[in-house]
Amino acid sequence: MAAKKTAKKKAKETVKKAVKKTAKKAVKLWTKAELSTLKKEYPNTDTQKLAGKLKRTLEAVRFQAKKHGLKKTKSYMQSLYKAASKPATKKATNKKAGKKRR
């Protein structure tokens, strides 16, 4: 009899674990204010920063932008390209501060 109760208990625990794994988070709907902010700021703003401002994931912001046909402006994309293509500035070396050679 005890073996049957133990088997039933284990089966219930297995089902509970399976339900927990498959349970999905509730979808947070976008408000009109959030969509308005997205449409206004997405074309000229870093997507990661905008996601933080809206308290949404990067993927959620990208998905909504694509859904609403939003794209980054040409000037914004060029500014990113220019920033990435600038050579890194070298640190000034101070020869006098180093050890003297003999």
C-alpha atoms as a PDB file:
ATOM      1  CA  MET A   1       0.000   0.000   0.000  1.00  0.00           C
ATOM      2  CA  ALA A   2       2.808   2.396   0.887  1.00  0.00           C
ATOM      3  CA  ALA A   3       4.460   1.739  -2.473  1.00  0.00           C
ATOM      4  CA  LYS A   4       1.285   2.825  -4.309  1.00  0.00           C
ATOM      5  CA  LYS A   5       1.093   6.110  -2.355  1.00  0.00           C
ATOM      6  CA  THR A   6       4.747   6.840  -3.061  1.00  0.00           C
ATOM      7  CA  ALA A   7       4.268   6.167  -6.782  1.00  0.00           C
ATOM      8  CA  LYS A   8       1.207   8.448  -6.901  1.00  0.00           C
ATOM      9  CA  LYS A   9       3.105  11.185  -5.063  1.00  0.00           C
ATOM     10  CA  LYS A  10       6.006  10.967  -7.502  1.00  0.00           C
ATOM     11  CA  ALA A  11       3.595  11.099 -10.462  1.00  0.00           C
ATOM     12  CA  LYS A  12       1.911  14.234  -9.081  1.00  0.00           C
ATOM     13  CA  GLU A  13       5.290  15.921  -8.510  1.00  0.00           C
ATOM     14  CA  THR A  14       6.336  15.085 -12.083  1.00  0.00           C
ATOM     15  CA  VAL A  15       3.136  16.624 -13.455  1.00  0.00           C
ATOM     16  CA  LYS A  16       3.616  19.763 -11.330  1.00  0.00           C
ATOM     17  CA  LYS A  17       7.183  20.169 -12.596  1.00  0.00           C
ATOM     18  CA  ALA A  18       6.045  19.742 -16.198  1.00  0.00           C
ATOM     19  CA  VAL A  19       3.334  22.382 -15.744  1.00  0.00           C
ATOM     20  CA  LYS A  20       5.845  24.819 -14.232  1.00  0.00           C
ATOM     21  CA  LYS A  21       8.239  24.348 -17.158  1.00  0.00           C
ATOM     22  CA  THR A  22       5.560  24.894 -19.801  1.00  0.00           C
ATOM     23  CA  ALA A  23       3.850  27.791 -18.051  1.00  0.00           C
ATOM     24  CA  LYS A  24       4.346  30.989 -20.052  1.00  0.00           C
ATOM     25  CA  LYS A  25       4.724  34.499 -18.762  1.00  0.00           C
ATOM     26  CA  ALA A  26       1.805  36.809 -19.324  1.00  0.00           C
ATOM     27  CA  VAL A  27       2.215  38.981 -22.382  1.00  0.00           C
ATOM     28  CA  LYS A  28       2.490  42.653 -21.487  1.00  0.00           C
ATOM     29  CA  LEU A  29       0.436  44.588 -24.019  1.00  0.00           C
ATOM     30  CA  TRP A  30       1.791  47.808 -25.486  1.00  0.00           C
ATOM     31  CA  THR A  31      -0.036  50.969 -24.469  1.00  0.00           C
ATOM     32  CA  LYS A  32      -0.791  53.822 -26.868  1.00  0.00           C
ATOM     33  CA  ALA A  33       1.736  55.986 -25.026  1.00  0.00           C
ATOM     34  CA  GLU A  34       4.463  53.339 -25.422  1.00  0.00           C
ATOM     35  CA  LEU A  35       3.724  52.935 -29.116  1.00  0.00           C
ATOM     36  CA  SER A  36       3.742  56.696 -29.562  1.00  0.00           C
ATOM     37  CA  THR A  37       7.147  56.925 -27.871  1.00  0.00           C
ATOM     38  CA  LEU A  38       8.424  54.038 -29.990  1.00  0.00           C
ATOM     39  CA  LYS A  39       7.270  55.648 -33.241  1.00  0.00           C
ATOM     40  CA  LYS A  40       8.698  59.029 -32.273  1.00  0.00           C
ATOM     41  CA  GLU A  41      12.074  57.919 -30.925  1.00  0.00           C
ATOM     42  CA  TYR A  42      12.977  54.648 -32.702  1.00  0.00           C
ATOM     43  CA  PRO A  43      14.314  56.183 -35.933  1.00  0.00           C
ATOM     44  CA  ASN A  44      17.004  58.294 -34.173  1.00  0.00           C
ATOM     45  CA  THR A  45      17.643  56.466 -30.893  1.00  0.00           C
ATOM     46  CA  ASP A  46      19.805  53.533 -29.864  1.00  0.00           C
ATOM     47  CA  THR A  47      17.442  50.568 -29.633  1.00  0.00           C
ATOM     48  CA  GLN A  48      18.992  49.281 -26.392  1.00  0.00           C
ATOM     49  CA  LYS A  49      18.508  52.667 -24.696  1.00  0.00           C
ATOM     50  CA  LEU A  50      14.933  52.892 -25.956  1.00  0.00           C
ATOM     51  CA  ALA A  51      14.219  49.392 -24.632  1.00  0.00           C
ATOM     52  CA  GLY A  52      15.481  50.469 -21.220  1.00  0.00           C
ATOM     53  CA  LYS A  53      13.368  53.619 -21.294  1.00  0.00           C
ATOM     54  CA  LEU A  54      10.243  51.629 -22.194  1.00  0.00           C
ATOM     55  CA  LYS A  55      11.156  48.841 -19.749  1.00  0.00           C
ATOM     56  CA  ARG A  56      10.882  46.287 -22.537  1.00  0.00           C
ATOM     57  CA  THR A  57      13.270  43.707 -23.921  1.00  0.00           C
ATOM     58  CA  LEU A  58      15.397  44.519 -26.926  1.00  0.00           C
ATOM     59  CA  GLU A  59      13.573  41.836 -28.895  1.00  0.00           C
ATOM     60  CA  ALA A  60      10.164  43.290 -28.001  1.00  0.00           C
ATOM     61  CA  VAL A  61      11.178  46.754 -29.195  1.00  0.00           C
ATOM     62  CA  ARG A  62      12.613  45.378 -32.431  1.00  0.00           C
ATOM     63  CA  PHE A  63       9.496  43.289 -33.033  1.00  0.00           C
ATOM     64  CA  GLN A  64       7.134  46.242 -32.542  1.00  0.00           C
ATOM     65  CA  ALA A  65       9.308  48.474 -34.722  1.00  0.00           C
ATOM     66  CA  LYS A  66       9.177  45.928 -37.537  1.00  0.00           C
ATOM     67  CA  LYS A  67       5.468  45.369 -37.008  1.00  0.00           C
ATOM     68  CA  HIS A  68       4.824  49.108 -37.414  1.00  0.00           C
ATOM     69  CA  GLY A  69       7.236  49.494 -40.326  1.00  0.00           C
ATOM     70  CA  LEU A  70       9.718  51.648 -38.399  1.00  0.00           C
ATOM     71  CA  LYS A  71      13.299  51.982 -39.596  1.00  0.00           C
ATOM     72  CA  LYS A  72      16.374  53.860 -38.476  1.00  0.00           C
ATOM     73  CA  THR A  73      17.018  57.083 -40.394  1.00  0.00           C
ATOM     74  CA  LYS A  74      19.840  57.237 -42.897  1.00  0.00           C
ATOM     75  CA  SER A  75      21.591  60.001 -40.952  1.00  0.00           C
ATOM     76  CA  TYR A  76      21.442  57.958 -37.726  1.00  0.00           C
ATOM     77  CA  MET A  77      22.924  54.910 -39.448  1.00  0.00           C
ATOM     78  CA  GLN A  78      25.681  57.040 -40.998  1.00  0.00           C
ATOM     79  CA  SER A  79      26.548  58.460 -37.575  1.00  0.00           C
ATOM     80  CA  LEU A  80      26.963  54.909 -36.257  1.00  0.00           C
ATOM     81  CA  TYR A  81      29.199  54.040 -39.206  1.00  0.00           C
ATOM     82  CA  LYS A  82      31.346  57.143 -38.692  1.00  0.00           C
ATOM     83  CA  ALA A  83      31.703  56.471 -34.975  1.00  0.00           C
ATOM     84  CA  ALA A  84      32.741  52.869 -35.615  1.00  0.00           C
ATOM     85  CA  SER A  85      35.265  53.760 -38.344  1.00  0.00           C
ATOM     86  CA  LYS A  86      37.163  56.377 -36.307  1.00  0.00           C
ATOM     87  CA  PRO A  87      40.553  55.070 -35.182  1.00  0.00           C
ATOM     88  CA  ALA A  88      40.993  54.656 -31.463  1.00  0.00           C
ATOM     89  CA  THR A  89      42.906  57.525 -29.915  1.00  0.00           C
ATOM     90  CA  LYS A  90      46.287  56.566 -28.565  1.00  0.00           C
ATOM     91  CA  LYS A  91      47.192  57.430 -25.021  1.00  0.00           C
ATOM     92  CA  ALA A  92      50.009  59.949 -24.732  1.00  0.00           C
ATOM     93  CA  THR A  93      53.146  58.318 -23.456  1.00  0.00           C
ATOM     94  CA  ASN A  94      55.293  60.167 -21.005  1.00  0.00           C
ATOM     95  CA  LYS A  95      58.919  59.170 -21.548  1.00  0.00           C
ATOM     96  CA  LYS A  96      60.197  61.153 -18.610  1.00  0.00           C
ATOM     97  CA  ALA A  97      57.943  59.315 -16.179  1.00  0.00           C
ATOM     98  CA  GLY A  98      59.491  55.946 -17.094  1.00  0.00           C
ATOM     99  CA  LYS A  99      62.733  54.493 -15.715  1.00  0.00           C
ATOM    100  CA  LYS A 100      65.972  56.071 -16.868  1.00  0.00           C
ATOM    101  CA  ARG A 101      68.153  53.959 -19.114  1.00  0.00           C
ATOM    102  CA  ARG A 102      71.896  53.660 -18.482  1.00  0.00           C
END
